[in-house]
């Protein structure tokens, strides 16, 4: 293909028109569908919203002018559906690497009040920003993947065979992904994909193409502490029957230092490789506190850790704990003078990329449930354990292609980053296809607020990223 800035400019021009003429409208229709991930909608099969979203996205992909492309919604019994699109190699490019492009269509719940004028399931465009749940995480992904291939077809640029996989359980830890990966692997055959493009990650800034070199693993545990069979007047039982919340606090102190946030379970810890320390120091030196991104903190809040590289590493190569849900606690408005019978919390533990998630899960669960304080009934259940990801070094051709795309489309050299989130798909795929190259990238950047209220997609970045993916696909050997 034409590797010059002008050649990339032709790709970018096509992509810009495609997004304005077709993608934004279809993406807005997707935003309107409350296709919550199974963890947040146990009745997802009956409600049908995930299926509705899959059909909408499949119909859009099917309508695009891609020679030889087949698109289908694949459904396995009891599993959320997946979209699989298969785009054959262009004439003369059959021996090039096979590429697997990945995204997901399931969503997080609204999670809080959205600002005036916004609604989680109503797409609102303000200039070059599109607001709505799932726009950035990860509804845009199928449009970027298919759009990149359409741009190559329209401009006559060659590429190898490409298979697009859009799953629908990622926000629940991808429990339904395995059978679909097996099906994609069977379709591709031996030796499997030579390049994996994951479109579910983030970017530190919007001024360059960022690729993710590592992601933390995750562990989700529910912890229940029960002291009574029913609530009792606190004036009668208080001081005699221990509070379930107080006992729960004691248990959490077994796994986390409440003063520092340090995780105390050895199986959750790992040494940070020297190359990642050096990368964090370089990023902190260039971007300062902007490397952390923007957080809607109260004015007086102090961040944990030391400014600079230490905070970057705390987010990417150190474990952390968050209480992400509580049951058994009435609202402040409804709370009466009652000693509550139980408290249940949902815990999210982020794990360093090198940690064995299964061993960490076993250690955390046993630490929480052993020797219950004051004889309370304690139950710790592991909901999900997902491995982290440490990408192999990029091949020379891939590093060159990403840098060419970044300079031509964004105006700056490409950047690499470690990410604090988790994409279970990557660890599983890396273990299945150890020789594959990975381009892990995405649009979740400053102000995007994925998983929180006011989720936003930066449309300029989405268009540039689509064109960048097209260039990488055309550059694959």
Protein backbone atom coordinates (compact mmCIF):
# COMPACT_ATOMS: atom_id res chain seq x y z
CA UNK A 1 0.00 0.00 0.00
CA UNK A 2 0.94 3.66 -0.22
CA UNK A 3 2.79 4.17 3.11
CA UNK A 4 3.23 7.92 2.62
CA UNK A 5 1.29 10.50 4.65
CA UNK A 6 -0.73 11.26 1.52
CA UNK A 7 -1.70 7.59 1.20
CA UNK A 8 -2.82 7.54 4.81
CA UNK A 9 -4.66 10.77 4.13
CA UNK A 10 -6.80 9.01 1.50
CA UNK A 11 -7.67 6.31 4.04
CA UNK A 12 -8.48 8.93 6.67
CA UNK A 13 -10.72 10.87 4.30
CA UNK A 14 -12.75 7.75 3.50
CA UNK A 15 -13.03 6.87 7.18
CA UNK A 16 -14.16 10.38 8.11
CA UNK A 17 -17.00 10.23 5.59
CA UNK A 18 -17.96 6.72 6.69
CA UNK A 19 -18.25 7.74 10.33
CA UNK A 20 -20.32 10.84 9.55
CA UNK A 21 -22.57 9.22 6.96
CA UNK A 22 -23.21 5.86 8.61
CA UNK A 23 -21.39 5.00 11.82
CA UNK A 24 -22.57 7.77 14.16
CA UNK A 25 -26.22 7.03 13.39
CA UNK A 26 -25.86 3.26 13.85
CA UNK A 27 -23.76 3.70 16.98
CA UNK A 28 -26.41 6.02 18.40
CA UNK A 29 -29.04 3.33 17.83
CA UNK A 30 -26.83 0.86 19.69
CA UNK A 31 -26.45 3.26 22.62
CA UNK A 32 -30.25 3.20 23.01
CA UNK A 33 -30.25 -0.55 23.75
CA UNK A 34 -29.79 -1.46 27.47
CA UNK A 35 -27.80 -4.59 26.65
CA UNK A 36 -26.35 -5.06 30.11
CA UNK A 37 -23.75 -7.75 30.69
CA UNK A 38 -25.07 -10.97 32.31
CA UNK A 39 -23.68 -10.08 35.75
CA UNK A 40 -25.95 -7.03 35.77
CA UNK A 41 -28.95 -8.59 34.02
CA UNK A 42 -29.40 -12.23 35.08
CA UNK A 43 -32.54 -12.37 32.90
CA UNK A 44 -30.62 -11.24 29.81
CA UNK A 45 -31.88 -14.16 27.72
CA UNK A 46 -35.53 -13.41 28.46
CA UNK A 47 -35.13 -9.64 28.17
CA UNK A 48 -33.54 -10.03 24.74
CA UNK A 49 -31.56 -6.78 24.77
CA UNK A 50 -28.18 -8.40 24.12
CA UNK A 51 -29.66 -10.27 21.17
CA UNK A 52 -31.22 -7.07 19.88
CA UNK A 53 -27.89 -5.27 20.01
CA UNK A 54 -26.13 -8.16 18.28
CA UNK A 55 -28.68 -8.16 15.45
CA UNK A 56 -28.41 -4.38 15.02
CA UNK A 57 -24.62 -4.48 14.74
CA UNK A 58 -24.70 -7.54 12.50
CA UNK A 59 -27.16 -5.86 10.14
CA UNK A 60 -24.94 -2.81 9.88
CA UNK A 61 -21.84 -4.90 9.18
CA UNK A 62 -23.70 -6.97 6.60
CA UNK A 63 -24.77 -3.84 4.76
CA UNK A 64 -21.20 -2.66 4.14
CA UNK A 65 -19.53 -3.07 0.72
CA UNK A 66 -16.90 -5.67 1.64
CA UNK A 67 -16.23 -8.23 -1.12
CA UNK A 68 -16.67 -11.81 0.10
CA UNK A 69 -17.43 -10.80 3.69
CA UNK A 70 -19.75 -13.02 5.72
CA UNK A 71 -21.30 -11.80 8.98
CA UNK A 72 -23.44 -13.80 11.38
CA UNK A 73 -24.73 -13.84 14.93
CA UNK A 74 -23.59 -17.13 16.47
CA UNK A 75 -25.53 -18.42 19.48
CA UNK A 76 -24.66 -21.32 21.76
CA UNK A 77 -27.18 -22.74 24.23
CA UNK A 78 -27.12 -20.81 27.50
CA UNK A 79 -24.47 -18.36 26.30
CA UNK A 80 -24.70 -14.77 25.19
CA UNK A 81 -24.38 -14.48 21.39
CA UNK A 82 -21.30 -13.40 19.46
CA UNK A 83 -20.87 -11.72 16.10
CA UNK A 84 -18.33 -13.29 13.76
CA UNK A 85 -17.38 -11.55 10.53
CA UNK A 86 -15.00 -13.25 8.10
CA UNK A 87 -13.32 -11.08 5.47
CA UNK A 88 -11.18 -12.97 2.94
CA UNK A 89 -7.74 -11.83 1.88
CA UNK A 90 -7.56 -9.59 -1.14
CA UNK A 91 -6.29 -11.18 -4.38
CA UNK A 92 -2.62 -12.00 -4.09
CA UNK A 93 -2.53 -11.59 -0.30
CA UNK A 94 -3.67 -15.07 0.76
CA UNK A 95 -0.29 -15.86 2.35
CA UNK A 96 -0.30 -12.83 4.61
CA UNK A 97 -0.91 -13.10 8.34
CA UNK A 98 -4.46 -13.83 9.45
CA UNK A 99 -5.74 -11.11 11.79
CA UNK A 100 -8.30 -11.50 14.57
CA UNK A 101 -10.02 -8.25 15.55
CA UNK A 102 -11.82 -8.22 18.89
CA UNK A 103 -14.43 -6.12 20.66
CA UNK A 104 -17.54 -6.58 22.81
CA UNK A 105 -21.11 -5.29 22.80
CA UNK A 106 -22.33 -5.89 26.37
CA UNK A 107 -22.53 -2.89 28.69
CA UNK A 108 -22.11 -1.81 32.28
CA UNK A 109 -25.22 -0.47 34.06
CA UNK A 110 -25.78 3.32 34.29
CA UNK A 111 -23.94 3.51 37.66
CA UNK A 112 -24.92 6.87 39.09
CA UNK A 113 -26.68 10.04 38.03
CA UNK A 114 -25.76 11.44 34.65
CA UNK A 115 -25.44 15.18 34.22
CA UNK A 116 -28.37 17.27 33.04
CA UNK A 117 -29.11 16.70 29.36
CA UNK A 118 -27.55 13.23 29.28
CA UNK A 119 -29.08 9.79 29.66
CA UNK A 120 -27.20 6.46 29.64
CA UNK A 121 -29.41 5.06 26.87
CA UNK A 122 -29.86 8.16 24.73
CA UNK A 123 -26.98 9.11 22.44
CA UNK A 124 -26.19 12.82 22.71
CA UNK A 125 -23.67 14.47 20.42
CA UNK A 126 -21.93 17.62 21.58
CA UNK A 127 -19.48 18.70 18.90
CA UNK A 128 -16.98 15.86 18.50
CA UNK A 129 -18.14 14.04 21.63
CA UNK A 130 -20.79 11.32 21.65
CA UNK A 131 -22.26 10.53 25.07
CA UNK A 132 -24.07 7.33 26.04
CA UNK A 133 -23.46 4.00 27.73
CA UNK A 134 -21.36 1.70 25.59
CA UNK A 135 -20.32 4.25 22.97
CA UNK A 136 -16.63 4.02 23.93
CA UNK A 137 -16.74 0.73 25.86
CA UNK A 138 -17.07 -1.01 23.50
CA UNK A 139 -19.79 -0.33 20.95
CA UNK A 140 -17.48 1.56 18.62
CA UNK A 141 -15.27 -1.50 18.12
CA UNK A 142 -17.21 -3.28 15.36
CA UNK A 143 -17.52 -0.01 13.47
CA UNK A 144 -13.77 0.56 13.72
CA UNK A 145 -12.95 -3.00 12.64
CA UNK A 146 -15.37 -3.25 9.71
CA UNK A 147 -14.80 0.41 8.83
CA UNK A 148 -11.04 -0.15 8.57
CA UNK A 149 -11.56 -3.07 6.20
CA UNK A 150 -14.10 -1.15 4.14
CA UNK A 151 -11.65 1.73 3.77
CA UNK A 152 -9.00 -0.69 2.49
CA UNK A 153 -11.44 -2.17 -0.02
CA UNK A 154 -12.48 1.28 -1.21
CA UNK A 155 -8.89 2.44 -1.70
CA UNK A 156 -7.63 -0.79 -3.24
CA UNK A 157 -5.15 -1.58 -0.47
CA UNK A 158 -4.30 -5.28 0.03
CA UNK A 159 -4.71 -7.15 3.30
CA UNK A 160 -4.68 -10.72 4.60
CA UNK A 161 -7.70 -12.60 5.87
CA UNK A 162 -9.41 -10.90 8.81
CA UNK A 163 -11.87 -12.35 11.30
CA UNK A 164 -13.84 -10.01 13.55
CA UNK A 165 -15.14 -11.39 16.87
CA UNK A 166 -17.55 -9.30 18.96
CA UNK A 167 -18.55 -11.04 22.19
CA UNK A 168 -21.25 -10.15 24.73
CA UNK A 169 -19.97 -11.11 28.21
CA UNK A 170 -16.75 -9.11 28.61
CA UNK A 171 -18.08 -6.82 31.33
CA UNK A 172 -18.79 -9.98 33.37
CA UNK A 173 -15.28 -11.34 32.89
CA UNK A 174 -15.92 -13.08 29.53
CA UNK A 175 -17.36 -16.32 30.99
CA UNK A 176 -19.08 -17.11 27.67
CA UNK A 177 -16.13 -16.39 25.40
CA UNK A 178 -14.34 -19.77 25.39
CA UNK A 179 -16.60 -21.69 22.97
CA UNK A 180 -16.61 -18.77 20.52
CA UNK A 181 -12.82 -18.57 20.62
CA UNK A 182 -12.72 -22.28 19.84
CA UNK A 183 -15.04 -21.74 16.89
CA UNK A 184 -12.95 -18.85 15.57
CA UNK A 185 -9.80 -20.93 16.02
CA UNK A 186 -11.36 -23.79 14.07
CA UNK A 187 -12.38 -21.43 11.27
CA UNK A 188 -8.91 -19.88 11.04
CA UNK A 189 -7.09 -23.19 11.38
CA UNK A 190 -3.41 -23.84 12.06
CA UNK A 191 -1.30 -21.95 13.05
CA UNK A 192 -3.98 -19.49 14.14
CA UNK A 193 -3.97 -15.70 13.92
CA UNK A 194 -0.63 -14.02 13.38
CA UNK A 195 -1.98 -10.66 14.56
CA UNK A 196 -4.58 -9.84 17.18
CA UNK A 197 -6.11 -6.36 17.23
CA UNK A 198 -7.99 -5.71 20.46
CA UNK A 199 -10.16 -2.58 20.37
CA UNK A 200 -11.18 -2.52 24.04
CA UNK A 201 -8.36 -0.63 25.70
CA UNK A 202 -7.58 3.02 26.33
CA UNK A 203 -5.33 5.95 25.59
CA UNK A 204 -3.47 8.31 27.90
CA UNK A 205 -4.06 11.27 25.61
CA UNK A 206 -5.91 11.90 22.37
CA UNK A 207 -2.84 13.23 20.54
CA UNK A 208 -1.28 9.95 19.37
CA UNK A 209 -1.95 6.26 18.75
CA UNK A 210 -1.50 4.37 22.01
CA UNK A 211 -0.97 0.63 22.32
CA UNK A 212 -1.30 -1.25 25.60
CA UNK A 213 1.65 -3.37 26.70
CA UNK A 214 0.16 -4.86 29.87
CA UNK A 215 -3.13 -5.09 31.77
CA UNK A 216 -3.88 -6.15 35.31
CA UNK A 217 -5.87 -9.23 36.14
CA UNK A 218 -9.01 -9.10 38.24
CA UNK A 219 -10.72 -11.01 40.99
CA UNK A 220 -14.37 -10.56 42.01
CA UNK A 221 -15.49 -11.95 45.38
CA UNK A 222 -18.73 -11.66 47.33
CA UNK A 223 -18.31 -11.60 51.12
CA UNK A 224 -21.31 -12.18 53.39
CA UNK A 225 -21.26 -11.73 57.18
CA UNK A 226 -24.39 -12.86 59.01
CA UNK A 227 -25.09 -12.40 62.75
CA UNK A 228 -28.90 -12.64 63.08
CA UNK A 229 -31.80 -14.36 61.36
CA UNK A 230 -33.69 -11.04 61.33
CA UNK A 231 -33.14 -7.42 62.32
CA UNK A 232 -33.35 -6.47 66.03
CA UNK A 233 -33.89 -3.13 67.78
CA UNK A 234 -30.43 -1.64 68.19
CA UNK A 235 -31.28 -0.41 71.68
CA UNK A 236 -31.81 -4.00 72.78
CA UNK A 237 -29.05 -5.80 70.87
CA UNK A 238 -26.45 -3.06 70.42
CA UNK A 239 -23.35 -3.77 72.49
CA UNK A 240 -24.25 -7.44 72.84
CA UNK A 241 -24.76 -8.74 69.29
CA UNK A 242 -21.78 -7.71 67.18
CA UNK A 243 -22.51 -5.53 64.14
CA UNK A 244 -22.14 -7.45 60.90
CA UNK A 245 -20.56 -4.35 59.37
CA UNK A 246 -17.93 -4.14 62.13
CA UNK A 247 -17.01 -7.78 61.66
CA UNK A 248 -16.85 -7.26 57.90
CA UNK A 249 -14.42 -4.37 58.47
CA UNK A 250 -12.20 -6.73 60.45
CA UNK A 251 -12.22 -9.25 57.63
CA UNK A 252 -11.33 -6.67 55.00
CA UNK A 253 -8.38 -5.61 57.16
CA UNK A 254 -7.00 -9.12 56.67
CA UNK A 255 -6.50 -8.50 52.97
CA UNK A 256 -5.99 -4.71 52.82
CA UNK A 257 -4.17 -2.16 54.97
CA UNK A 258 -6.95 0.40 55.43
CA UNK A 259 -4.44 3.19 56.04
CA UNK A 260 -2.46 2.77 52.82
CA UNK A 261 -4.54 0.55 50.52
CA UNK A 262 -1.70 -1.99 50.40
CA UNK A 263 -2.89 -5.54 49.64
CA UNK A 264 -1.67 -7.96 52.29
CA UNK A 265 -2.23 -11.33 50.58
CA UNK A 266 1.15 -12.53 49.24
CA UNK A 267 -0.46 -14.41 46.35
CA UNK A 268 -1.74 -11.07 45.01
CA UNK A 269 1.71 -9.50 44.78
CA UNK A 270 4.33 -9.55 42.01
CA UNK A 271 7.60 -7.82 41.27
CA UNK A 272 7.37 -5.07 38.65
CA UNK A 273 9.74 -5.77 35.71
CA UNK A 274 12.48 -3.19 35.19
CA UNK A 275 11.26 -2.31 31.69
CA UNK A 276 7.87 -1.25 33.07
CA UNK A 277 9.47 0.86 35.77
CA UNK A 278 11.53 2.60 33.11
CA UNK A 279 8.48 3.12 30.91
CA UNK A 280 6.52 4.63 33.81
CA UNK A 281 9.36 6.99 34.63
CA UNK A 282 9.60 8.11 31.00
CA UNK A 283 5.84 8.70 30.75
CA UNK A 284 5.75 10.62 34.02
CA UNK A 285 8.68 12.77 32.89
CA UNK A 286 6.94 13.64 29.61
CA UNK A 287 3.33 14.05 30.73
CA UNK A 288 3.50 14.71 34.48
CA UNK A 289 0.26 14.17 36.39
CA UNK A 290 -1.63 14.20 33.06
CA UNK A 291 -0.34 10.65 32.56
CA UNK A 292 -2.82 9.54 35.23
CA UNK A 293 -5.81 10.97 33.43
CA UNK A 294 -8.62 13.06 34.90
CA UNK A 295 -10.68 12.05 37.94
CA UNK A 296 -13.74 13.93 39.25
CA UNK A 297 -12.31 14.10 42.78
CA UNK A 298 -13.36 16.44 45.56
CA UNK A 299 -10.95 19.39 45.78
CA UNK A 300 -9.29 18.29 49.03
CA UNK A 301 -8.65 14.64 48.07
CA UNK A 302 -5.06 13.40 48.20
CA UNK A 303 -3.94 10.65 45.83
CA UNK A 304 -2.22 7.56 47.19
CA UNK A 305 1.46 7.04 46.44
CA UNK A 306 4.17 9.43 45.35
CA UNK A 307 3.66 11.73 42.39
CA UNK A 308 4.98 10.54 39.06
CA UNK A 309 6.02 7.01 38.14
CA UNK A 310 5.00 5.55 41.51
CA UNK A 311 1.34 6.35 40.90
CA UNK A 312 1.45 4.98 37.38
CA UNK A 313 2.86 1.71 38.69
CA UNK A 314 0.30 1.59 41.51
CA UNK A 315 -2.39 1.60 38.85
CA UNK A 316 -0.78 -0.90 36.50
CA UNK A 317 1.54 -3.28 38.39
CA UNK A 318 0.24 -3.23 41.96
CA UNK A 319 -2.93 -4.87 43.34
CA UNK A 320 -5.82 -2.79 44.65
CA UNK A 321 -9.18 -3.38 46.32
CA UNK A 322 -12.53 -1.70 45.70
CA UNK A 323 -15.89 -2.39 47.32
CA UNK A 324 -18.18 -2.20 44.30
CA UNK A 325 -21.51 -3.28 45.80
CA UNK A 326 -23.30 -3.68 49.15
CA UNK A 327 -26.45 -5.60 50.13
CA UNK A 328 -28.27 -5.65 53.44
CA UNK A 329 -27.91 -1.91 54.00
CA UNK A 330 -31.00 0.31 53.66
CA UNK A 331 -30.76 3.81 52.26
CA UNK A 332 -30.08 6.66 54.67
CA UNK A 333 -33.68 7.75 54.24
CA UNK A 334 -35.04 4.32 55.15
CA UNK A 335 -32.52 3.36 57.83
CA UNK A 336 -34.12 2.77 61.23
CA UNK A 337 -32.65 1.97 64.65
CA UNK A 338 -32.14 -1.67 63.77
CA UNK A 339 -29.14 -3.92 64.16
CA UNK A 340 -29.08 -5.45 60.69
CA UNK A 341 -28.90 -9.24 60.32
CA UNK A 342 -26.20 -9.30 57.64
CA UNK A 343 -23.92 -7.30 55.37
CA UNK A 344 -22.81 -8.51 51.96
CA UNK A 345 -20.21 -6.75 49.84
CA UNK A 346 -18.96 -7.33 46.32
CA UNK A 347 -15.19 -6.89 46.13
CA UNK A 348 -13.06 -6.17 43.08
CA UNK A 349 -9.36 -6.92 43.43
CA UNK A 350 -7.09 -5.81 40.63
CA UNK A 351 -4.05 -8.07 40.23
CA UNK A 352 -0.60 -7.41 38.72
CA UNK A 353 -0.26 -8.88 35.21
CA UNK A 354 2.16 -11.60 36.37
CA UNK A 355 -0.05 -12.93 39.20
CA UNK A 356 -1.77 -16.30 38.91
CA UNK A 357 -5.41 -15.27 39.28
CA UNK A 358 -6.64 -18.69 40.37
CA UNK A 359 -4.10 -18.95 43.18
CA UNK A 360 -4.87 -15.38 44.24
CA UNK A 361 -8.59 -16.16 44.30
CA UNK A 362 -8.10 -19.20 46.51
CA UNK A 363 -5.86 -17.26 48.89
CA UNK A 364 -8.22 -14.28 49.21
CA UNK A 365 -11.29 -16.45 49.75
CA UNK A 366 -9.59 -18.59 52.41
CA UNK A 367 -8.17 -15.54 54.18
CA UNK A 368 -11.60 -13.94 54.41
CA UNK A 369 -13.50 -17.06 55.49
CA UNK A 370 -11.07 -18.67 57.94
CA UNK A 371 -11.73 -18.39 61.70
CA UNK A 372 -14.83 -16.13 61.53
CA UNK A 373 -14.70 -13.32 64.13
CA UNK A 374 -16.95 -13.92 67.16
CA UNK A 375 -18.43 -17.00 65.53
CA UNK A 376 -20.34 -15.09 62.85
CA UNK A 377 -21.46 -16.93 59.72
CA UNK A 378 -19.02 -15.87 57.01
CA UNK A 379 -19.12 -16.88 53.36
CA UNK A 380 -16.65 -15.77 50.69
CA UNK A 381 -17.48 -16.77 47.11
CA UNK A 382 -15.21 -16.21 44.12
CA UNK A 383 -17.38 -14.89 41.29
CA UNK A 384 -14.67 -14.49 38.69
CA UNK A 385 -10.88 -14.69 38.41
CA UNK A 386 -9.24 -13.31 35.27
CA UNK A 387 -5.57 -13.35 34.38
CA UNK A 388 -3.68 -10.23 33.46
CA UNK A 389 -1.78 -9.72 30.22
CA UNK A 390 1.84 -8.93 29.38
CA UNK A 391 2.20 -8.42 25.64
CA UNK A 392 5.12 -9.88 23.72
CA UNK A 393 7.51 -7.34 22.17
CA UNK A 394 6.16 -5.86 18.96
CA UNK A 395 7.69 -7.11 15.74
CA UNK A 396 9.55 -4.52 13.72
CA UNK A 397 6.84 -4.31 11.07
CA UNK A 398 4.10 -3.72 13.65
CA UNK A 399 6.06 -1.08 15.54
CA UNK A 400 6.81 0.69 12.26
CA UNK A 401 3.20 0.57 11.06
CA UNK A 402 1.76 1.91 14.31
CA UNK A 403 4.29 4.72 14.36
CA UNK A 404 3.62 5.62 10.72
CA UNK A 405 -0.10 5.74 11.41
CA UNK A 406 0.32 7.78 14.57
CA UNK A 407 2.54 10.39 12.92
CA UNK A 408 0.35 10.72 9.83
CA UNK A 409 -3.04 10.69 11.56
CA UNK A 410 -2.36 12.14 15.00
CA UNK A 411 0.77 14.20 14.38
CA UNK A 412 2.95 12.50 17.00
CA UNK A 413 4.95 9.30 17.42
CA UNK A 414 3.02 6.29 18.73
CA UNK A 415 3.02 5.64 22.46
CA UNK A 416 2.83 2.56 24.66
CA UNK A 417 1.11 2.32 28.02
CA UNK A 418 0.26 -0.13 30.76
CA UNK A 419 -3.40 -0.32 31.73
CA UNK A 420 -5.01 -0.88 35.10
CA UNK A 421 -8.11 -2.63 33.77
CA UNK A 422 -8.60 -6.19 32.60
CA UNK A 423 -9.41 -7.79 29.25
CA UNK A 424 -9.71 -11.55 29.96
CA UNK A 425 -9.74 -12.37 26.25
CA UNK A 426 -6.09 -11.36 25.84
CA UNK A 427 -4.57 -13.72 28.38
CA UNK A 428 -6.61 -16.60 27.05
CA UNK A 429 -5.68 -15.86 23.46
CA UNK A 430 -1.99 -15.38 24.27
CA UNK A 431 -1.90 -18.82 25.87
CA UNK A 432 -3.59 -20.40 22.84
CA UNK A 433 -1.51 -18.58 20.21
CA UNK A 434 1.90 -17.77 21.76
CA UNK A 435 3.39 -16.70 18.43
CA UNK A 436 0.76 -14.03 17.69
CA UNK A 437 1.52 -10.33 17.61
CA UNK A 438 -0.81 -8.00 19.53
CA UNK A 439 -2.05 -4.49 18.91
CA UNK A 440 -4.12 -3.61 21.98
CA UNK A 441 -5.60 -0.16 21.63
CA UNK A 442 -8.77 1.83 22.17
CA UNK A 443 -10.54 5.13 22.72
CA UNK A 444 -11.06 5.20 26.50
CA UNK A 445 -9.15 8.37 27.31
CA UNK A 446 -9.46 11.65 29.22
CA UNK A 447 -13.08 12.39 30.07
CA UNK A 448 -14.44 9.15 28.57
CA UNK A 449 -15.48 7.83 32.01
CA UNK A 450 -16.17 4.27 30.90
CA UNK A 451 -18.15 2.32 33.55
CA UNK A 452 -19.19 5.59 35.22
CA UNK A 453 -21.79 8.24 34.48
CA UNK A 454 -21.46 10.46 31.39
CA UNK A 455 -19.55 7.92 29.28
CA UNK A 456 -18.14 9.68 26.23
CA UNK A 457 -16.59 8.72 22.90
CA UNK A 458 -14.18 11.20 21.32
CA UNK A 459 -15.22 10.97 17.68
CA UNK A 460 -12.01 12.45 16.28
CA UNK A 461 -10.00 9.77 18.04
CA UNK A 462 -12.39 7.03 16.91
CA UNK A 463 -12.04 8.08 13.28
CA UNK A 464 -8.24 8.32 13.49
CA UNK A 465 -8.03 4.97 15.21
CA UNK A 466 -10.15 3.35 12.49
CA UNK A 467 -7.78 4.64 9.81
CA UNK A 468 -4.76 3.56 11.89
CA UNK A 469 -6.11 0.01 12.15
CA UNK A 470 -6.60 -0.02 8.38
CA UNK A 471 -2.96 0.96 7.88
CA UNK A 472 -1.74 -1.76 10.25
CA UNK A 473 -3.85 -4.41 8.48
CA UNK A 474 -2.45 -3.36 5.12
CA UNK A 475 1.10 -3.42 6.52
CA UNK A 476 0.94 -6.96 7.94
CA UNK A 477 3.33 -9.29 6.13
